[in-house]
């Protein structure tokens, strides 16, 4: 039965038929894009589970708003309370966080508001952009 449910989810993800009404039951829930495309017609909000994207998988369309969920992006493990935009950036909008454990973060990081944090052990491949002089960001990266 579990295999059947997993297969049905895999077919939906591979076909790109997931709408924003998807809800994650908890931290152990996940969507895995191994070798296909996830097309989001609406923003996926409140993600507390995991989005796993392998190198051959793509995400397009609208954003994913993580609320303490995991973003496993091409082998990088990120604990995220921020917004992922498929156009290649992560947005911390105030009281947002990004925590990594190894790997290279490939997305640009846009920061606005106050109370934002980036921490962990990883390499930043792209830029961090602060919106204005009132934006705050605490960084603890090794």
N, C-alpha and C. Protein backbone atom coordinates (compact mmCIF):
# COMPACT_ATOMS: atom_id res chain seq x y z
N UNK A 1 0.82 -1.20 0.00
CA UNK A 1 0.00 0.00 0.00
C UNK A 1 0.87 1.27 0.00
N UNK A 2 1.92 1.28 0.87
CA UNK A 2 2.80 2.45 0.92
C UNK A 2 3.50 2.66 -0.41
N UNK A 3 3.91 1.56 -1.05
CA UNK A 3 4.56 1.65 -2.34
C UNK A 3 3.62 2.26 -3.38
N UNK A 4 2.35 1.89 -3.32
CA UNK A 4 1.36 2.44 -4.25
C UNK A 4 1.16 3.93 -4.06
N UNK A 5 1.11 4.38 -2.81
CA UNK A 5 0.96 5.81 -2.52
C UNK A 5 2.19 6.57 -2.99
N UNK A 6 3.39 6.01 -2.71
CA UNK A 6 4.62 6.65 -3.14
C UNK A 6 4.65 6.75 -4.66
N UNK A 7 4.27 5.68 -5.36
CA UNK A 7 4.27 5.67 -6.82
C UNK A 7 3.29 6.72 -7.36
N UNK A 8 2.11 6.83 -6.75
CA UNK A 8 1.13 7.82 -7.19
C UNK A 8 1.68 9.23 -7.02
N UNK A 9 2.36 9.49 -5.90
CA UNK A 9 2.97 10.81 -5.69
C UNK A 9 4.08 11.06 -6.69
N UNK A 10 4.87 10.03 -6.98
CA UNK A 10 5.95 10.16 -7.93
C UNK A 10 5.41 10.49 -9.32
N UNK A 11 4.32 9.85 -9.72
CA UNK A 11 3.70 10.13 -11.01
C UNK A 11 3.19 11.56 -11.05
N UNK A 12 2.56 12.02 -9.97
CA UNK A 12 2.06 13.39 -9.93
C UNK A 12 3.20 14.39 -10.03
N UNK A 13 4.28 14.14 -9.28
CA UNK A 13 5.42 15.05 -9.33
C UNK A 13 6.06 15.03 -10.71
N UNK A 14 6.23 13.85 -11.28
CA UNK A 14 6.84 13.74 -12.60
C UNK A 14 6.00 14.42 -13.66
N UNK A 15 4.69 14.39 -13.48
CA UNK A 15 3.78 14.99 -14.45
C UNK A 15 3.57 16.47 -14.22
N UNK A 16 3.92 16.96 -13.04
CA UNK A 16 3.76 18.37 -12.74
C UNK A 16 2.35 18.76 -12.37
N UNK A 17 1.54 17.83 -11.85
CA UNK A 17 0.15 18.12 -11.55
C UNK A 17 -0.10 18.48 -10.09
N UNK A 18 0.88 18.99 -9.39
CA UNK A 18 0.67 19.33 -7.99
C UNK A 18 0.25 20.79 -7.89
N UNK A 19 -0.82 21.03 -7.20
CA UNK A 19 -1.33 22.38 -6.99
C UNK A 19 -0.97 22.84 -5.59
N UNK A 20 -1.26 24.08 -5.24
CA UNK A 20 -0.88 24.63 -3.95
C UNK A 20 -1.69 24.04 -2.80
N UNK A 21 -2.70 23.24 -3.07
CA UNK A 21 -3.48 22.64 -2.01
C UNK A 21 -2.74 21.49 -1.33
N UNK A 22 -1.52 21.21 -1.76
CA UNK A 22 -0.72 20.16 -1.15
C UNK A 22 -0.35 20.61 0.26
N UNK A 23 -0.54 19.72 1.22
CA UNK A 23 -0.11 20.02 2.58
C UNK A 23 0.76 18.87 3.08
N UNK A 24 1.77 19.23 3.83
CA UNK A 24 2.68 18.25 4.39
C UNK A 24 2.19 17.86 5.77
N UNK A 25 2.12 16.56 6.04
CA UNK A 25 1.66 16.08 7.33
C UNK A 25 2.62 16.39 8.45
N UNK A 26 3.88 16.48 8.15
CA UNK A 26 4.89 16.74 9.16
C UNK A 26 6.26 16.77 8.53
N UNK A 27 7.26 16.79 9.39
CA UNK A 27 8.65 16.88 8.92
C UNK A 27 9.09 15.68 8.10
N UNK A 28 8.42 14.52 8.26
CA UNK A 28 8.83 13.34 7.51
C UNK A 28 8.18 13.26 6.12
N UNK A 29 7.27 14.16 5.79
CA UNK A 29 6.64 14.19 4.47
C UNK A 29 7.59 14.84 3.46
N UNK A 30 7.56 14.36 2.22
CA UNK A 30 8.47 14.92 1.24
C UNK A 30 7.93 14.81 -0.18
N UNK A 31 8.49 15.65 -1.05
CA UNK A 31 8.31 15.56 -2.49
C UNK A 31 9.70 15.40 -3.06
N UNK A 32 9.91 14.38 -3.87
CA UNK A 32 11.24 14.11 -4.44
C UNK A 32 11.16 14.28 -5.96
N UNK A 33 11.95 15.21 -6.49
CA UNK A 33 12.03 15.44 -7.92
C UNK A 33 13.37 14.86 -8.37
N UNK A 34 13.36 13.61 -8.80
CA UNK A 34 14.60 12.92 -9.15
C UNK A 34 15.01 13.19 -10.60
N UNK A 35 14.09 12.96 -11.52
CA UNK A 35 14.40 13.09 -12.94
C UNK A 35 13.13 13.54 -13.66
N UNK A 36 12.65 14.69 -13.30
CA UNK A 36 11.42 15.19 -13.89
C UNK A 36 11.29 16.67 -13.57
N UNK A 37 10.09 17.18 -13.75
CA UNK A 37 9.84 18.59 -13.53
C UNK A 37 8.63 18.78 -12.63
N UNK A 38 8.80 19.58 -11.60
CA UNK A 38 7.69 19.99 -10.75
C UNK A 38 7.30 21.39 -11.19
N UNK A 39 6.07 21.53 -11.71
CA UNK A 39 5.58 22.83 -12.16
C UNK A 39 4.56 23.30 -11.15
N UNK A 40 4.83 24.43 -10.51
CA UNK A 40 3.93 24.98 -9.50
C UNK A 40 3.10 26.10 -10.13
N UNK A 41 1.80 25.86 -10.25
CA UNK A 41 0.92 26.88 -10.80
C UNK A 41 0.58 27.95 -9.77
N UNK A 42 0.70 27.61 -8.50
CA UNK A 42 0.47 28.53 -7.39
C UNK A 42 1.60 28.37 -6.39
N UNK A 43 1.78 29.37 -5.54
CA UNK A 43 2.81 29.29 -4.50
C UNK A 43 2.47 28.18 -3.53
N UNK A 44 3.47 27.38 -3.20
CA UNK A 44 3.33 26.31 -2.22
C UNK A 44 3.73 26.92 -0.88
N UNK A 45 2.81 27.01 0.07
CA UNK A 45 3.06 27.74 1.31
C UNK A 45 3.13 26.81 2.52
N UNK A 46 3.80 27.30 3.56
CA UNK A 46 3.85 26.61 4.85
C UNK A 46 4.52 25.25 4.82
N UNK A 47 5.53 25.08 3.97
CA UNK A 47 6.17 23.78 3.81
C UNK A 47 7.03 23.47 5.04
N UNK A 48 6.63 22.43 5.78
CA UNK A 48 7.38 21.97 6.94
C UNK A 48 8.06 20.64 6.68
N UNK A 49 7.70 20.00 5.59
CA UNK A 49 8.33 18.75 5.19
C UNK A 49 9.56 19.03 4.36
N UNK A 50 9.88 18.12 3.45
CA UNK A 50 11.09 18.24 2.64
C UNK A 50 10.77 18.30 1.16
N UNK A 51 11.52 19.13 0.46
CA UNK A 51 11.53 19.14 -0.99
C UNK A 51 12.93 18.64 -1.37
N UNK A 52 12.97 17.55 -2.13
CA UNK A 52 14.24 16.96 -2.53
C UNK A 52 14.37 17.10 -4.04
N UNK A 53 15.40 17.83 -4.49
CA UNK A 53 15.62 18.02 -5.93
C UNK A 53 16.99 17.50 -6.30
N UNK A 54 17.00 16.45 -7.10
CA UNK A 54 18.26 15.92 -7.61
C UNK A 54 18.72 16.75 -8.80
N UNK A 55 19.96 16.54 -9.24
CA UNK A 55 20.55 17.33 -10.33
C UNK A 55 19.73 17.27 -11.61
N UNK A 56 19.08 16.14 -11.89
CA UNK A 56 18.29 15.99 -13.12
C UNK A 56 16.86 16.51 -12.97
N UNK A 57 16.46 16.89 -11.78
CA UNK A 57 15.11 17.40 -11.53
C UNK A 57 15.05 18.91 -11.64
N UNK A 58 13.89 19.42 -12.04
CA UNK A 58 13.71 20.87 -12.12
C UNK A 58 12.43 21.29 -11.43
N UNK A 59 12.45 22.51 -10.93
CA UNK A 59 11.26 23.13 -10.33
C UNK A 59 11.02 24.41 -11.12
N UNK A 60 9.78 24.63 -11.54
CA UNK A 60 9.46 25.85 -12.28
C UNK A 60 8.10 26.37 -11.84
N UNK A 61 7.82 27.59 -12.26
CA UNK A 61 6.54 28.19 -11.92
C UNK A 61 6.67 29.10 -10.70
N UNK A 62 5.75 28.94 -9.77
CA UNK A 62 5.68 29.81 -8.60
C UNK A 62 6.66 29.38 -7.50
N UNK A 63 6.66 30.12 -6.41
CA UNK A 63 7.61 29.94 -5.31
C UNK A 63 7.18 28.85 -4.33
N UNK A 64 8.14 28.47 -3.47
CA UNK A 64 7.88 27.55 -2.36
C UNK A 64 8.24 28.30 -1.09
N UNK A 65 7.26 28.48 -0.20
CA UNK A 65 7.48 29.17 1.07
C UNK A 65 7.69 28.13 2.16
N UNK A 66 8.94 27.97 2.58
CA UNK A 66 9.28 27.01 3.62
C UNK A 66 9.00 27.62 4.99
N UNK A 67 8.51 26.79 5.91
CA UNK A 67 8.24 27.20 7.29
C UNK A 67 8.94 26.21 8.22
N UNK A 68 10.27 26.19 8.12
CA UNK A 68 11.04 25.25 8.92
C UNK A 68 11.21 23.91 8.24
N UNK A 69 11.00 23.88 6.92
CA UNK A 69 11.15 22.65 6.16
C UNK A 69 12.57 22.47 5.65
N UNK A 70 12.80 21.32 5.05
CA UNK A 70 14.11 21.00 4.50
C UNK A 70 14.09 21.13 2.98
N UNK A 71 15.12 21.73 2.45
CA UNK A 71 15.31 21.81 1.01
C UNK A 71 16.60 21.08 0.69
N UNK A 72 16.48 19.89 0.12
CA UNK A 72 17.62 19.08 -0.29
C UNK A 72 17.83 19.38 -1.77
N UNK A 73 18.80 20.21 -2.06
CA UNK A 73 19.00 20.69 -3.43
C UNK A 73 20.32 20.18 -3.97
N UNK A 74 20.26 19.20 -4.86
CA UNK A 74 21.45 18.61 -5.48
C UNK A 74 22.48 18.20 -4.43
N UNK A 75 22.02 17.57 -3.36
CA UNK A 75 22.91 17.07 -2.33
C UNK A 75 23.14 18.03 -1.17
N UNK A 76 22.68 19.27 -1.27
CA UNK A 76 22.80 20.21 -0.16
C UNK A 76 21.60 20.04 0.76
N UNK A 77 21.84 20.04 2.05
CA UNK A 77 20.76 19.92 3.03
C UNK A 77 20.58 21.26 3.73
N UNK A 78 19.45 21.91 3.47
CA UNK A 78 19.18 23.22 4.05
C UNK A 78 17.91 23.19 4.87
N UNK A 79 17.98 23.67 6.11
CA UNK A 79 16.80 23.88 6.94
C UNK A 79 16.36 25.32 6.66
N UNK A 80 15.15 25.49 6.15
CA UNK A 80 14.76 26.78 5.59
C UNK A 80 13.45 27.30 6.18
N UNK A 81 13.48 28.55 6.58
CA UNK A 81 12.27 29.33 6.86
C UNK A 81 12.39 30.57 5.99
N UNK A 82 12.17 30.38 4.71
CA UNK A 82 12.35 31.42 3.70
C UNK A 82 11.60 30.99 2.45
N UNK A 83 11.71 31.78 1.40
CA UNK A 83 10.99 31.50 0.15
C UNK A 83 12.00 31.11 -0.94
N UNK A 84 11.75 29.97 -1.58
CA UNK A 84 12.57 29.54 -2.71
C UNK A 84 11.85 29.95 -3.99
N UNK A 85 12.56 30.66 -4.85
CA UNK A 85 12.02 31.04 -6.15
C UNK A 85 12.74 30.23 -7.22
N UNK A 86 12.01 29.50 -8.06
CA UNK A 86 12.64 28.68 -9.08
C UNK A 86 13.52 29.44 -10.07
N UNK A 87 13.44 30.77 -10.08
CA UNK A 87 14.29 31.57 -10.96
C UNK A 87 15.72 31.69 -10.44
N UNK A 88 16.01 31.03 -9.32
CA UNK A 88 17.39 30.97 -8.86
C UNK A 88 17.73 31.77 -7.63
N UNK A 89 16.75 32.04 -6.77
CA UNK A 89 17.11 32.74 -5.54
C UNK A 89 16.26 32.31 -4.36
N UNK A 90 16.83 32.52 -3.17
CA UNK A 90 16.14 32.31 -1.90
C UNK A 90 15.90 33.68 -1.29
N UNK A 91 14.72 33.91 -0.72
CA UNK A 91 14.40 35.21 -0.14
C UNK A 91 14.13 35.06 1.35
N UNK A 92 14.86 35.83 2.15
CA UNK A 92 14.61 35.92 3.58
C UNK A 92 13.89 37.24 3.80
N UNK A 93 12.62 37.19 4.23
CA UNK A 93 11.76 38.37 4.29
C UNK A 93 11.58 38.96 5.68
N UNK A 94 12.47 38.70 6.58
CA UNK A 94 12.31 39.17 7.95
C UNK A 94 11.95 38.00 8.85
N UNK A 95 12.71 37.85 9.94
CA UNK A 95 12.57 36.71 10.85
C UNK A 95 12.62 35.39 10.09
N UNK A 96 13.46 35.35 9.07
CA UNK A 96 13.64 34.16 8.25
C UNK A 96 15.02 33.58 8.50
N UNK A 97 15.19 32.29 8.13
CA UNK A 97 16.48 31.67 8.39
C UNK A 97 16.84 30.66 7.32
N UNK A 98 18.14 30.44 7.22
CA UNK A 98 18.70 29.46 6.30
C UNK A 98 19.86 28.81 7.04
N UNK A 99 19.77 27.49 7.20
CA UNK A 99 20.82 26.77 7.92
C UNK A 99 21.26 25.59 7.08
N UNK A 100 22.56 25.51 6.80
CA UNK A 100 23.07 24.46 5.95
C UNK A 100 24.11 23.61 6.63
N UNK A 101 24.31 22.42 6.08
CA UNK A 101 25.30 21.49 6.63
C UNK A 101 26.05 20.83 5.48
N UNK A 102 27.01 21.56 4.94
CA UNK A 102 27.83 21.04 3.85
C UNK A 102 27.28 21.41 2.49
N UNK A 103 28.14 21.31 1.48
CA UNK A 103 27.73 21.56 0.11
C UNK A 103 27.88 23.01 -0.29
N UNK A 104 27.30 23.33 -1.44
CA UNK A 104 27.37 24.66 -2.02
C UNK A 104 25.97 25.16 -2.31
N UNK A 105 25.62 26.32 -1.77
CA UNK A 105 24.33 26.94 -2.07
C UNK A 105 24.48 27.69 -3.38
N UNK A 106 23.71 27.28 -4.38
CA UNK A 106 23.86 27.83 -5.72
C UNK A 106 22.98 29.04 -5.99
N UNK A 107 21.95 29.24 -5.19
CA UNK A 107 21.01 30.33 -5.43
C UNK A 107 21.53 31.65 -4.87
N UNK A 108 21.15 32.76 -5.53
CA UNK A 108 21.34 34.09 -4.94
C UNK A 108 20.46 34.15 -3.71
N UNK A 109 20.86 34.97 -2.73
CA UNK A 109 20.05 35.14 -1.52
C UNK A 109 19.67 36.60 -1.42
N UNK A 110 18.37 36.86 -1.40
CA UNK A 110 17.84 38.22 -1.25
C UNK A 110 17.30 38.35 0.17
N UNK A 111 17.66 39.45 0.85
CA UNK A 111 17.28 39.63 2.25
C UNK A 111 16.58 40.97 2.42
N UNK A 112 15.45 40.95 3.15
CA UNK A 112 14.75 42.19 3.50
C UNK A 112 14.23 42.05 4.92
N UNK A 113 13.91 43.16 5.55
CA UNK A 113 13.37 43.12 6.92
C UNK A 113 14.47 42.87 7.95
N UNK A 114 14.04 42.54 9.15
CA UNK A 114 14.98 42.34 10.26
C UNK A 114 14.85 40.93 10.83
N UNK A 115 15.85 40.54 11.60
CA UNK A 115 15.80 39.25 12.28
C UNK A 115 16.13 38.06 11.41
N UNK A 116 16.85 38.26 10.33
CA UNK A 116 17.21 37.17 9.42
C UNK A 116 18.54 36.55 9.83
N UNK A 117 18.68 35.22 9.62
CA UNK A 117 19.93 34.54 9.95
C UNK A 117 20.32 33.54 8.86
N UNK A 118 21.62 33.45 8.63
CA UNK A 118 22.20 32.43 7.76
C UNK A 118 23.32 31.79 8.57
N UNK A 119 23.28 30.47 8.72
CA UNK A 119 24.32 29.81 9.50
C UNK A 119 24.57 28.40 9.01
N UNK A 120 25.76 27.91 9.34
CA UNK A 120 26.08 26.54 9.02
C UNK A 120 27.44 26.38 8.37
N UNK A 121 27.62 25.22 7.76
CA UNK A 121 28.87 24.84 7.11
C UNK A 121 28.60 24.62 5.63
N UNK A 122 28.84 25.61 4.81
CA UNK A 122 28.61 25.50 3.37
C UNK A 122 29.34 26.61 2.65
N UNK A 123 29.34 26.52 1.34
CA UNK A 123 29.95 27.54 0.49
C UNK A 123 28.82 28.27 -0.23
N UNK A 124 28.90 29.59 -0.25
CA UNK A 124 27.94 30.40 -1.01
C UNK A 124 28.52 30.64 -2.39
N UNK A 125 27.84 30.15 -3.41
CA UNK A 125 28.32 30.32 -4.78
C UNK A 125 27.89 31.65 -5.37
N UNK A 126 26.79 32.21 -4.87
CA UNK A 126 26.23 33.43 -5.45
C UNK A 126 26.20 34.56 -4.43
N UNK A 127 25.54 35.65 -4.79
CA UNK A 127 25.52 36.85 -3.97
C UNK A 127 24.46 36.82 -2.89
N UNK A 128 24.73 37.59 -1.83
CA UNK A 128 23.71 37.93 -0.83
C UNK A 128 23.41 39.41 -1.04
N UNK A 129 22.13 39.72 -1.28
CA UNK A 129 21.73 41.10 -1.54
C UNK A 129 20.81 41.58 -0.44
N UNK A 130 21.19 42.68 0.23
CA UNK A 130 20.34 43.29 1.26
C UNK A 130 19.49 44.36 0.59
N UNK A 131 18.19 44.36 0.91
CA UNK A 131 17.25 45.26 0.23
C UNK A 131 17.58 46.73 0.47
N UNK A 132 17.83 47.10 1.72
CA UNK A 132 18.11 48.50 2.05
C UNK A 132 18.89 48.58 3.34
N UNK A 133 19.14 49.81 3.80
CA UNK A 133 19.98 50.00 4.99
C UNK A 133 19.30 49.57 6.29
N UNK A 134 18.00 49.33 6.28
CA UNK A 134 17.33 48.88 7.51
C UNK A 134 17.25 47.35 7.59
N UNK A 135 17.70 46.66 6.56
CA UNK A 135 17.70 45.19 6.54
C UNK A 135 18.80 44.68 7.47
N UNK A 136 18.45 43.66 8.28
CA UNK A 136 19.46 43.06 9.15
C UNK A 136 19.62 41.57 8.83
N UNK A 137 20.87 41.13 8.96
CA UNK A 137 21.20 39.73 8.68
C UNK A 137 22.35 39.33 9.58
N UNK A 138 22.15 38.25 10.34
CA UNK A 138 23.23 37.67 11.15
C UNK A 138 23.79 36.48 10.38
N UNK A 139 25.13 36.45 10.21
CA UNK A 139 25.76 35.39 9.44
C UNK A 139 26.76 34.66 10.33
N UNK A 140 26.63 33.34 10.39
CA UNK A 140 27.58 32.49 11.12
C UNK A 140 27.86 31.29 10.22
N UNK A 141 28.76 31.50 9.25
CA UNK A 141 29.07 30.47 8.26
C UNK A 141 30.55 30.12 8.38
N UNK A 142 30.83 28.83 8.33
CA UNK A 142 32.23 28.38 8.34
C UNK A 142 32.57 27.73 7.03
